[in-house]
Amino acid sequence: MTEPVDIADAADPRLADYVGLTDAELRQRHEPAAGLFMAEGDKVIRRALAAGCRPRSLLVASRWLPRLAAVLAGFDAPVYVAPEAVLEQVTGYRVHRGPLAAMWRPAALEPAELLAGARRAVVLEDVVDHANVGAVFRTAAAFGFDAVLLSPRCADPLYRRALKVSMGAVLALGWARFGDWYQALDTVRSAGLRSVALTPDAGAVDLAGVDLPDRVALVLGAEGDGLSRRWLESADVRARIPISSAVDSLNVAAAAAAACYALSVANGGAGDATP
């Protein structure tokens, strides 16, 4: 077990990874460039370690140490212990959900490599809200999907907010980001998956009535504009979720939940899904 190190000064350079966690713009620039992501809370940290992610360091208040005994037993990175007032000064918020761990990012996967073994996948186009991305990952894992594919402008699934909302599902589900979005549809087709583009358009077919093959990619677009014309026009199926006329559309995370459930039922259920 790594011997904990007490730190009393918020300006201590050893805490540099944890500075300004509420500054989303700063963190989105800094974390991928530095090859790190931030895991918050016992459950997410445990899932990160179980997924094989390597820790850079752990930052805790002293009162959290007893409940982390099992984690710390095999921890091979610095463990910093600081007063809660110092944690707040460093991070920019009152840290009350438990410990923070700076982790090394896992190696990025190639979309074609990931899709080659996928039976069911979710493809997201320009979903920029971290909470929505996290919720989609949690839903995809819950219903037994194998992969999540992201357009270049999608929010970072390993950003602290997305990771927390996903309850660590980001760490258990294979995902990849397309470098060339224009060619992404061809990559999906070459992998043998049939694309189902979700849209509120009244001219689309009811999702419940779609005759689906065993291998399928569910495609969802941005919260405001929805899917681009290229994806809508080129997808194998354009499908909608019937809803009341009192509402024009569903939030992308809610739509993903409804659609993933429908596709899961159509293809024999979720199986042994990741919680």
C-alpha atoms as a PDB file:
ATOM      1  CA  MET A   1       0.000   0.000   0.000  1.00  0.00           C
ATOM      2  CA  THR A   2       1.225   3.483  -0.892  1.00  0.00           C
ATOM      3  CA  GLU A   3       1.870   5.588   2.200  1.00  0.00           C
ATOM      4  CA  PRO A   4      -0.512   8.597   2.189  1.00  0.00           C
ATOM      5  CA  VAL A   5       1.088  12.035   1.946  1.00  0.00           C
ATOM      6  CA  ASP A   6      -0.451  14.927   3.892  1.00  0.00           C
ATOM      7  CA  ILE A   7      -0.744  18.198   1.968  1.00  0.00           C
ATOM      8  CA  ALA A   8      -1.833  21.436   3.628  1.00  0.00           C
ATOM      9  CA  ASP A   9      -1.158  23.982   0.863  1.00  0.00           C
ATOM     10  CA  ALA A  10      -3.571  24.353  -2.067  1.00  0.00           C
ATOM     11  CA  ALA A  11      -0.682  25.683  -4.168  1.00  0.00           C
ATOM     12  CA  ASP A  12       1.327  22.465  -3.780  1.00  0.00           C
ATOM     13  CA  PRO A  13       2.439  21.509  -7.329  1.00  0.00           C
ATOM     14  CA  ARG A  14       1.724  17.841  -6.637  1.00  0.00           C
ATOM     15  CA  LEU A  15      -1.986  18.703  -6.870  1.00  0.00           C
ATOM     16  CA  ALA A  16      -1.694  20.276 -10.334  1.00  0.00           C
ATOM     17  CA  ASP A  17      -3.863  17.595 -11.977  1.00  0.00           C
ATOM     18  CA  TYR A  18      -6.798  18.585  -9.752  1.00  0.00           C
ATOM     19  CA  VAL A  19      -6.754  22.365 -10.230  1.00  0.00           C
ATOM     20  CA  GLY A  20      -9.918  24.014 -11.588  1.00  0.00           C
ATOM     21  CA  LEU A  21     -12.110  20.959 -12.100  1.00  0.00           C
ATOM     22  CA  THR A  22     -15.180  23.160 -12.607  1.00  0.00           C
ATOM     23  CA  ASP A  23     -13.565  25.010 -15.537  1.00  0.00           C
ATOM     24  CA  ALA A  24     -14.935  22.828 -18.341  1.00  0.00           C
ATOM     25  CA  GLU A  25     -13.090  24.630 -21.133  1.00  0.00           C
ATOM     26  CA  LEU A  26      -9.761  24.353 -19.308  1.00  0.00           C
ATOM     27  CA  ARG A  27     -10.269  20.689 -18.453  1.00  0.00           C
ATOM     28  CA  GLN A  28     -11.306  19.753 -21.996  1.00  0.00           C
ATOM     29  CA  ARG A  29      -8.086  21.289 -23.291  1.00  0.00           C
ATOM     30  CA  HIS A  30      -5.821  19.981 -20.557  1.00  0.00           C
ATOM     31  CA  GLU A  31      -6.942  16.423 -19.849  1.00  0.00           C
ATOM     32  CA  PRO A  32      -6.713  14.778 -23.305  1.00  0.00           C
ATOM     33  CA  ALA A  33      -3.465  16.636 -24.031  1.00  0.00           C
ATOM     34  CA  ALA A  34      -1.969  15.439 -20.751  1.00  0.00           C
ATOM     35  CA  GLY A  35      -3.259  11.911 -21.305  1.00  0.00           C
ATOM     36  CA  LEU A  36      -5.375  11.890 -18.148  1.00  0.00           C
ATOM     37  CA  PHE A  37      -8.960  11.769 -16.996  1.00  0.00           C
ATOM     38  CA  MET A  38     -10.544  12.407 -13.627  1.00  0.00           C
ATOM     39  CA  ALA A  39     -12.483   9.688 -11.778  1.00  0.00           C
ATOM     40  CA  GLU A  40     -14.731  10.929  -8.966  1.00  0.00           C
ATOM     41  CA  GLY A  41     -16.181   8.811  -6.182  1.00  0.00           C
ATOM     42  CA  ASP A  42     -15.491   5.310  -4.894  1.00  0.00           C
ATOM     43  CA  LYS A  43     -17.591   3.455  -7.473  1.00  0.00           C
ATOM     44  CA  VAL A  44     -16.116   5.150 -10.543  1.00  0.00           C
ATOM     45  CA  ILE A  45     -12.567   4.788  -9.209  1.00  0.00           C
ATOM     46  CA  ARG A  46     -13.103   1.087  -8.538  1.00  0.00           C
ATOM     47  CA  ARG A  47     -14.519   0.582 -12.017  1.00  0.00           C
ATOM     48  CA  ALA A  48     -11.603   2.462 -13.570  1.00  0.00           C
ATOM     49  CA  LEU A  49      -9.113   0.229 -11.779  1.00  0.00           C
ATOM     50  CA  ALA A  50     -11.115  -2.900 -12.637  1.00  0.00           C
ATOM     51  CA  ALA A  51     -11.067  -1.838 -16.300  1.00  0.00           C
ATOM     52  CA  GLY A  52      -7.267  -1.732 -16.182  1.00  0.00           C
ATOM     53  CA  CYS A  53      -6.839   2.058 -16.088  1.00  0.00           C
ATOM     54  CA  ARG A  54      -3.584   3.100 -14.428  1.00  0.00           C
ATOM     55  CA  PRO A  55      -3.755   5.717 -11.633  1.00  0.00           C
ATOM     56  CA  ARG A  56      -1.533   8.802 -11.586  1.00  0.00           C
ATOM     57  CA  SER A  57      -2.557   9.817  -8.066  1.00  0.00           C
ATOM     58  CA  LEU A  58      -5.427   9.879  -5.591  1.00  0.00           C
ATOM     59  CA  LEU A  59      -6.694  12.918  -3.677  1.00  0.00           C
ATOM     60  CA  VAL A  60      -8.774  12.333  -0.545  1.00  0.00           C
ATOM     61  CA  ALA A  61      -9.927  13.899   2.686  1.00  0.00           C
ATOM     62  CA  SER A  62      -8.704  11.985   5.741  1.00  0.00           C
ATOM     63  CA  ARG A  63     -12.236  10.869   6.705  1.00  0.00           C
ATOM     64  CA  TRP A  64     -12.523   8.898   3.441  1.00  0.00           C
ATOM     65  CA  LEU A  65      -9.400   6.789   3.986  1.00  0.00           C
ATOM     66  CA  PRO A  66     -11.013   3.958   6.019  1.00  0.00           C
ATOM     67  CA  ARG A  67     -13.556   3.099   3.305  1.00  0.00           C
ATOM     68  CA  LEU A  68     -10.811   3.005   0.661  1.00  0.00           C
ATOM     69  CA  ALA A  69      -8.716   0.340   2.372  1.00  0.00           C
ATOM     70  CA  ALA A  70      -9.427  -2.303  -0.306  1.00  0.00           C
ATOM     71  CA  VAL A  71      -8.593   0.097  -3.147  1.00  0.00           C
ATOM     72  CA  LEU A  72      -5.428   1.390  -1.503  1.00  0.00           C
ATOM     73  CA  ALA A  73      -4.161  -2.121  -0.775  1.00  0.00           C
ATOM     74  CA  GLY A  74      -3.106  -2.486  -4.396  1.00  0.00           C
ATOM     75  CA  PHE A  75      -2.630   1.173  -5.254  1.00  0.00           C
ATOM     76  CA  ASP A  76       0.755   1.944  -6.808  1.00  0.00           C
ATOM     77  CA  ALA A  77       0.485   5.733  -7.195  1.00  0.00           C
ATOM     78  CA  PRO A  78       0.762   8.688  -4.785  1.00  0.00           C
ATOM     79  CA  VAL A  79      -2.109   9.154  -2.335  1.00  0.00           C
ATOM     80  CA  TYR A  80      -2.533  12.771  -1.271  1.00  0.00           C
ATOM     81  CA  VAL A  81      -4.546  13.610   1.853  1.00  0.00           C
ATOM     82  CA  ALA A  82      -5.728  17.184   2.318  1.00  0.00           C
ATOM     83  CA  PRO A  83      -8.234  19.081   4.472  1.00  0.00           C
ATOM     84  CA  GLU A  84     -11.593  19.539   2.791  1.00  0.00           C
ATOM     85  CA  ALA A  85     -11.057  23.300   2.668  1.00  0.00           C
ATOM     86  CA  VAL A  86      -7.899  22.691   0.633  1.00  0.00           C
ATOM     87  CA  LEU A  87      -9.752  20.308  -1.680  1.00  0.00           C
ATOM     88  CA  GLU A  88     -12.309  23.023  -2.354  1.00  0.00           C
ATOM     89  CA  GLN A  89      -9.609  25.612  -3.029  1.00  0.00           C
ATOM     90  CA  VAL A  90      -7.846  23.337  -5.486  1.00  0.00           C
ATOM     91  CA  THR A  91     -10.828  21.935  -7.379  1.00  0.00           C
ATOM     92  CA  GLY A  92     -13.117  24.953  -7.270  1.00  0.00           C
ATOM     93  CA  TYR A  93     -16.047  23.196  -5.613  1.00  0.00           C
ATOM     94  CA  ARG A  94     -17.018  21.481  -2.377  1.00  0.00           C
ATOM     95  CA  VAL A  95     -15.802  17.928  -2.849  1.00  0.00           C
ATOM     96  CA  HIS A  96     -18.443  15.881  -1.047  1.00  0.00           C
ATOM     97  CA  ARG A  97     -18.969  12.864  -3.335  1.00  0.00           C
ATOM     98  CA  GLY A  98     -15.798  11.125  -2.254  1.00  0.00           C
ATOM     99  CA  PRO A  99     -12.201  10.806  -3.456  1.00  0.00           C
ATOM    100  CA  LEU A 100     -10.761  11.982  -6.752  1.00  0.00           C
ATOM    101  CA  ALA A 101      -8.306  10.008  -8.838  1.00  0.00           C
ATOM    102  CA  ALA A 102      -6.227  11.278 -11.738  1.00  0.00           C
ATOM    103  CA  MET A 103      -5.982   8.328 -14.144  1.00  0.00           C
ATOM    104  CA  TRP A 104      -4.031   7.672 -17.309  1.00  0.00           C
ATOM    105  CA  ARG A 105      -6.290   7.519 -20.360  1.00  0.00           C
ATOM    106  CA  PRO A 106      -6.589   4.103 -21.980  1.00  0.00           C
ATOM    107  CA  ALA A 107      -5.279   3.707 -25.518  1.00  0.00           C
ATOM    108  CA  ALA A 108      -7.722   4.987 -28.131  1.00  0.00           C
ATOM    109  CA  LEU A 109      -9.485   2.382 -30.277  1.00  0.00           C
ATOM    110  CA  GLU A 110     -10.029   2.591 -34.026  1.00  0.00           C
ATOM    111  CA  PRO A 111     -13.696   2.633 -35.126  1.00  0.00           C
ATOM    112  CA  ALA A 112     -13.256  -0.164 -37.683  1.00  0.00           C
ATOM    113  CA  GLU A 113     -11.493  -2.340 -35.123  1.00  0.00           C
ATOM    114  CA  LEU A 114     -14.247  -1.801 -32.570  1.00  0.00           C
ATOM    115  CA  LEU A 115     -17.108  -2.354 -35.017  1.00  0.00           C
ATOM    116  CA  ALA A 116     -15.626  -5.570 -36.400  1.00  0.00           C
ATOM    117  CA  GLY A 117     -16.729  -7.491 -33.321  1.00  0.00           C
ATOM    118  CA  ALA A 118     -19.838  -5.479 -32.465  1.00  0.00           C
ATOM    119  CA  ARG A 119     -23.377  -6.820 -32.708  1.00  0.00           C
ATOM    120  CA  ARG A 120     -25.133  -3.647 -31.570  1.00  0.00           C
ATOM    121  CA  ALA A 121     -23.624  -0.166 -31.529  1.00  0.00           C
ATOM    122  CA  VAL A 122     -24.697   3.413 -30.816  1.00  0.00           C
ATOM    123  CA  VAL A 123     -23.338   6.164 -33.056  1.00  0.00           C
ATOM    124  CA  LEU A 124     -23.512   9.766 -31.801  1.00  0.00           C
ATOM    125  CA  GLU A 125     -23.235  12.808 -34.046  1.00  0.00           C
ATOM    126  CA  ASP A 126     -22.194  16.103 -32.401  1.00  0.00           C
ATOM    127  CA  VAL A 127     -23.739  15.440 -28.974  1.00  0.00           C
ATOM    128  CA  VAL A 128     -21.827  18.072 -27.027  1.00  0.00           C
ATOM    129  CA  ASP A 129     -23.490  17.862 -23.616  1.00  0.00           C
ATOM    130  CA  HIS A 130     -21.372  15.733 -21.282  1.00  0.00           C
ATOM    131  CA  ALA A 131     -24.319  14.582 -19.181  1.00  0.00           C
ATOM    132  CA  ASN A 132     -26.152  13.355 -22.288  1.00  0.00           C
ATOM    133  CA  VAL A 133     -23.093  11.484 -23.525  1.00  0.00           C
ATOM    134  CA  GLY A 134     -22.680   9.853 -20.110  1.00  0.00           C
ATOM    135  CA  ALA A 135     -26.360   8.898 -20.002  1.00  0.00           C
ATOM    136  CA  VAL A 136     -26.180   7.330 -23.477  1.00  0.00           C
ATOM    137  CA  PHE A 137     -23.201   5.205 -22.414  1.00  0.00           C
ATOM    138  CA  ARG A 138     -25.052   4.027 -19.316  1.00  0.00           C
ATOM    139  CA  THR A 139     -28.110   3.162 -21.406  1.00  0.00           C
ATOM    140  CA  ALA A 140     -26.076   1.359 -24.080  1.00  0.00           C
ATOM    141  CA  ALA A 141     -24.342  -0.745 -21.441  1.00  0.00           C
ATOM    142  CA  ALA A 142     -27.620  -1.493 -19.655  1.00  0.00           C
ATOM    143  CA  PHE A 143     -29.218  -2.888 -22.809  1.00  0.00           C
ATOM    144  CA  GLY A 144     -26.278  -5.000 -23.890  1.00  0.00           C
ATOM    145  CA  PHE A 145     -24.842  -2.841 -26.661  1.00  0.00           C
ATOM    146  CA  ASP A 146     -21.224  -3.568 -27.539  1.00  0.00           C
ATOM    147  CA  ALA A 147     -19.870  -0.214 -28.662  1.00  0.00           C
ATOM    148  CA  VAL A 148     -20.367   3.551 -28.839  1.00  0.00           C
ATOM    149  CA  LEU A 149     -18.956   5.542 -31.756  1.00  0.00           C
ATOM    150  CA  LEU A 150     -18.532   9.320 -31.635  1.00  0.00           C
ATOM    151  CA  SER A 151     -18.242  12.044 -34.235  1.00  0.00           C
ATOM    152  CA  PRO A 152     -15.193  14.334 -33.916  1.00  0.00           C
ATOM    153  CA  ARG A 153     -17.209  17.080 -32.178  1.00  0.00           C
ATOM    154  CA  CYS A 154     -18.927  14.918 -29.572  1.00  0.00           C
ATOM    155  CA  ALA A 155     -18.237  15.607 -25.897  1.00  0.00           C
ATOM    156  CA  ASP A 156     -15.431  13.676 -24.202  1.00  0.00           C
ATOM    157  CA  PRO A 157     -16.841  10.513 -22.533  1.00  0.00           C
ATOM    158  CA  LEU A 158     -13.960  10.594 -20.038  1.00  0.00           C
ATOM    159  CA  TYR A 159     -14.726  14.111 -18.849  1.00  0.00           C
ATOM    160  CA  ARG A 160     -15.592  14.006 -15.135  1.00  0.00           C
ATOM    161  CA  ARG A 161     -19.277  14.877 -15.613  1.00  0.00           C
ATOM    162  CA  ALA A 162     -19.834  12.334 -18.395  1.00  0.00           C
ATOM    163  CA  LEU A 163     -18.001   9.624 -16.488  1.00  0.00           C
ATOM    164  CA  LYS A 164     -20.020  10.263 -13.326  1.00  0.00           C
ATOM    165  CA  VAL A 165     -23.398  10.268 -15.121  1.00  0.00           C
ATOM    166  CA  SER A 166     -22.463   7.022 -16.872  1.00  0.00           C
ATOM    167  CA  MET A 167     -21.759   5.452 -13.452  1.00  0.00           C
ATOM    168  CA  GLY A 168     -18.483   4.209 -14.892  1.00  0.00           C
ATOM    169  CA  ALA A 169     -20.093   2.519 -17.932  1.00  0.00           C
ATOM    170  CA  VAL A 170     -17.714   4.497 -20.168  1.00  0.00           C
ATOM    171  CA  LEU A 171     -14.924   2.368 -18.703  1.00  0.00           C
ATOM    172  CA  ALA A 172     -16.674  -0.949 -19.348  1.00  0.00           C
ATOM    173  CA  LEU A 173     -17.979  -0.331 -22.864  1.00  0.00           C
ATOM    174  CA  GLY A 174     -15.791  -0.144 -25.960  1.00  0.00           C
ATOM    175  CA  TRP A 175     -15.852   3.232 -27.670  1.00  0.00           C
ATOM    176  CA  ALA A 176     -14.013   5.091 -30.391  1.00  0.00           C
ATOM    177  CA  ARG A 177     -14.029   8.496 -32.050  1.00  0.00           C
ATOM    178  CA  PHE A 178     -14.117   8.914 -35.820  1.00  0.00           C
ATOM    179  CA  GLY A 179     -11.390  11.136 -37.255  1.00  0.00           C
ATOM    180  CA  ASP A 180     -13.170  11.504 -40.609  1.00  0.00           C
ATOM    181  CA  TRP A 181     -16.889  11.889 -40.052  1.00  0.00           C
ATOM    182  CA  TYR A 182     -17.680  12.006 -43.764  1.00  0.00           C
ATOM    183  CA  GLN A 183     -16.433   8.442 -44.176  1.00  0.00           C
ATOM    184  CA  ALA A 184     -17.969   7.188 -40.918  1.00  0.00           C
ATOM    185  CA  LEU A 185     -21.106   5.759 -42.527  1.00  0.00           C
ATOM    186  CA  ASP A 186     -18.981   3.722 -44.934  1.00  0.00           C
ATOM    187  CA  THR A 187     -17.031   2.343 -41.971  1.00  0.00           C
ATOM    188  CA  VAL A 188     -20.260   1.258 -40.275  1.00  0.00           C
ATOM    189  CA  ARG A 189     -21.501  -0.430 -43.451  1.00  0.00           C
ATOM    190  CA  SER A 190     -18.172  -2.112 -44.152  1.00  0.00           C
ATOM    191  CA  ALA A 191     -18.366  -3.674 -40.691  1.00  0.00           C
ATOM    192  CA  GLY A 192     -21.667  -5.290 -41.676  1.00  0.00           C
ATOM    193  CA  LEU A 193     -23.975  -3.246 -39.428  1.00  0.00           C
ATOM    194  CA  ARG A 194     -27.286  -1.851 -40.663  1.00  0.00           C
ATOM    195  CA  SER A 195     -27.707   1.810 -39.676  1.00  0.00           C
ATOM    196  CA  VAL A 196     -30.933   3.028 -38.062  1.00  0.00           C
ATOM    197  CA  ALA A 197     -31.075   6.838 -37.933  1.00  0.00           C
ATOM    198  CA  LEU A 198     -33.387   8.187 -35.240  1.00  0.00           C
ATOM    199  CA  THR A 199     -35.451  11.253 -36.153  1.00  0.00           C
ATOM    200  CA  PRO A 200     -38.733  12.867 -35.011  1.00  0.00           C
ATOM    201  CA  ASP A 201     -39.736  13.332 -38.683  1.00  0.00           C
ATOM    202  CA  ALA A 202     -43.320  12.162 -39.191  1.00  0.00           C
ATOM    203  CA  GLY A 203     -42.240  10.568 -42.466  1.00  0.00           C
ATOM    204  CA  ALA A 204     -39.938   8.108 -40.713  1.00  0.00           C
ATOM    205  CA  VAL A 205     -41.093   4.593 -39.891  1.00  0.00           C
ATOM    206  CA  ASP A 206     -42.180   3.631 -36.381  1.00  0.00           C
ATOM    207  CA  LEU A 207     -39.155   2.082 -34.662  1.00  0.00           C
ATOM    208  CA  ALA A 208     -41.321  -0.702 -33.261  1.00  0.00           C
ATOM    209  CA  GLY A 209     -42.172  -1.796 -36.794  1.00  0.00           C
ATOM    210  CA  VAL A 210     -38.625  -1.910 -38.173  1.00  0.00           C
ATOM    211  CA  ASP A 211     -37.492  -5.370 -39.285  1.00  0.00           C
ATOM    212  CA  LEU A 212     -34.002  -5.429 -37.809  1.00  0.00           C
ATOM    213  CA  PRO A 213     -31.073  -7.701 -38.566  1.00  0.00           C
ATOM    214  CA  ASP A 214     -28.895  -9.184 -35.844  1.00  0.00           C
ATOM    215  CA  ARG A 215     -26.219  -6.495 -36.266  1.00  0.00           C
ATOM    216  CA  VAL A 216     -27.387  -2.900 -36.077  1.00  0.00           C
ATOM    217  CA  ALA A 217     -26.046   0.609 -35.430  1.00  0.00           C
ATOM    218  CA  LEU A 218     -28.416   3.105 -33.820  1.00  0.00           C
ATOM    219  CA  VAL A 219     -27.528   6.641 -34.930  1.00  0.00           C
ATOM    220  CA  LEU A 220     -28.542   9.706 -32.868  1.00  0.00           C
ATOM    221  CA  GLY A 221     -27.872  13.378 -33.487  1.00  0.00           C
ATOM    222  CA  ALA A 222     -27.255  16.557 -31.562  1.00  0.00           C
ATOM    223  CA  GLU A 223     -29.698  17.830 -28.955  1.00  0.00           C
ATOM    224  CA  GLY A 224     -30.929  20.770 -31.032  1.00  0.00           C
ATOM    225  CA  ASP A 225     -30.473  20.105 -34.740  1.00  0.00           C
ATOM    226  CA  GLY A 226     -30.677  16.337 -34.776  1.00  0.00           C
ATOM    227  CA  LEU A 227     -28.841  14.284 -37.370  1.00  0.00           C
ATOM    228  CA  SER A 228     -27.213  15.866 -40.390  1.00  0.00           C
ATOM    229  CA  ARG A 229     -28.835  15.472 -43.803  1.00  0.00           C
ATOM    230  CA  ARG A 230     -26.076  13.098 -44.973  1.00  0.00           C
ATOM    231  CA  TRP A 231     -26.780  10.612 -42.199  1.00  0.00           C
ATOM    232  CA  LEU A 232     -30.553  10.901 -42.514  1.00  0.00           C
ATOM    233  CA  GLU A 233     -30.486  10.397 -46.272  1.00  0.00           C
ATOM    234  CA  SER A 234     -27.828   7.678 -46.309  1.00  0.00           C
ATOM    235  CA  ALA A 235     -28.873   5.540 -43.337  1.00  0.00           C
ATOM    236  CA  ASP A 236     -30.429   2.164 -44.097  1.00  0.00           C
ATOM    237  CA  VAL A 237     -33.529   3.041 -42.043  1.00  0.00           C
ATOM    238  CA  ARG A 238     -34.981   6.331 -40.794  1.00  0.00           C
ATOM    239  CA  ALA A 239     -37.004   5.574 -37.664  1.00  0.00           C
ATOM    240  CA  ARG A 240     -38.961   7.551 -35.098  1.00  0.00           C
ATOM    241  CA  ILE A 241     -40.296   6.977 -31.591  1.00  0.00           C
ATOM    242  CA  PRO A 242     -44.020   7.857 -31.573  1.00  0.00           C
ATOM    243  CA  ILE A 243     -44.759  10.496 -28.924  1.00  0.00           C
ATOM    244  CA  SER A 244     -47.598  12.830 -27.996  1.00  0.00           C
ATOM    245  CA  SER A 245     -48.133  15.861 -30.243  1.00  0.00           C
ATOM    246  CA  ALA A 246     -47.802  17.986 -27.100  1.00  0.00           C
ATOM    247  CA  VAL A 247     -44.014  17.438 -27.304  1.00  0.00           C
ATOM    248  CA  ASP A 248     -41.977  17.942 -30.470  1.00  0.00           C
ATOM    249  CA  SER A 249     -39.058  15.665 -29.562  1.00  0.00           C
ATOM    250  CA  LEU A 250     -37.280  13.765 -26.806  1.00  0.00           C
ATOM    251  CA  ASN A 251     -33.998  14.650 -25.184  1.00  0.00           C
ATOM    252  CA  VAL A 252     -31.259  12.633 -26.922  1.00  0.00           C
ATOM    253  CA  ALA A 253     -30.545  10.615 -23.771  1.00  0.00           C
ATOM    254  CA  ALA A 254     -34.233   9.757 -23.350  1.00  0.00           C
ATOM    255  CA  ALA A 255     -34.520   8.859 -27.034  1.00  0.00           C
ATOM    256  CA  ALA A 256     -31.462   6.627 -26.745  1.00  0.00           C
ATOM    257  CA  ALA A 257     -32.990   4.820 -23.763  1.00  0.00           C
ATOM    258  CA  ALA A 258     -36.269   4.149 -25.590  1.00  0.00           C
ATOM    259  CA  ALA A 259     -34.542   3.073 -28.792  1.00  0.00           C
ATOM    260  CA  CYS A 260     -31.922   0.884 -27.123  1.00  0.00           C
ATOM    261  CA  TYR A 261     -34.685  -0.914 -25.244  1.00  0.00           C
ATOM    262  CA  ALA A 262     -36.688  -1.420 -28.437  1.00  0.00           C
ATOM    263  CA  LEU A 263     -33.679  -2.772 -30.324  1.00  0.00           C
ATOM    264  CA  SER A 264     -32.710  -4.960 -27.394  1.00  0.00           C
ATOM    265  CA  VAL A 265     -36.177  -6.542 -27.274  1.00  0.00           C
ATOM    266  CA  ALA A 266     -36.185  -6.997 -31.047  1.00  0.00           C
ATOM    267  CA  ASN A 267     -32.820  -8.740 -30.925  1.00  0.00           C
ATOM    268  CA  GLY A 268     -33.451 -11.051 -28.008  1.00  0.00           C
ATOM    269  CA  GLY A 269     -32.875  -8.903 -24.924  1.00  0.00           C
ATOM    270  CA  ALA A 270     -29.909  -7.332 -23.190  1.00  0.00           C
ATOM    271  CA  GLY A 271     -28.273 -10.530 -22.007  1.00  0.00           C
ATOM    272  CA  ASP A 272     -25.520 -10.092 -19.452  1.00  0.00           C
ATOM    273  CA  ALA A 273     -25.418  -6.288 -19.691  1.00  0.00           C
ATOM    274  CA  THR A 274     -23.049  -4.011 -17.842  1.00  0.00           C
ATOM    275  CA  PRO A 275     -24.911  -2.196 -14.985  1.00  0.00           C
END
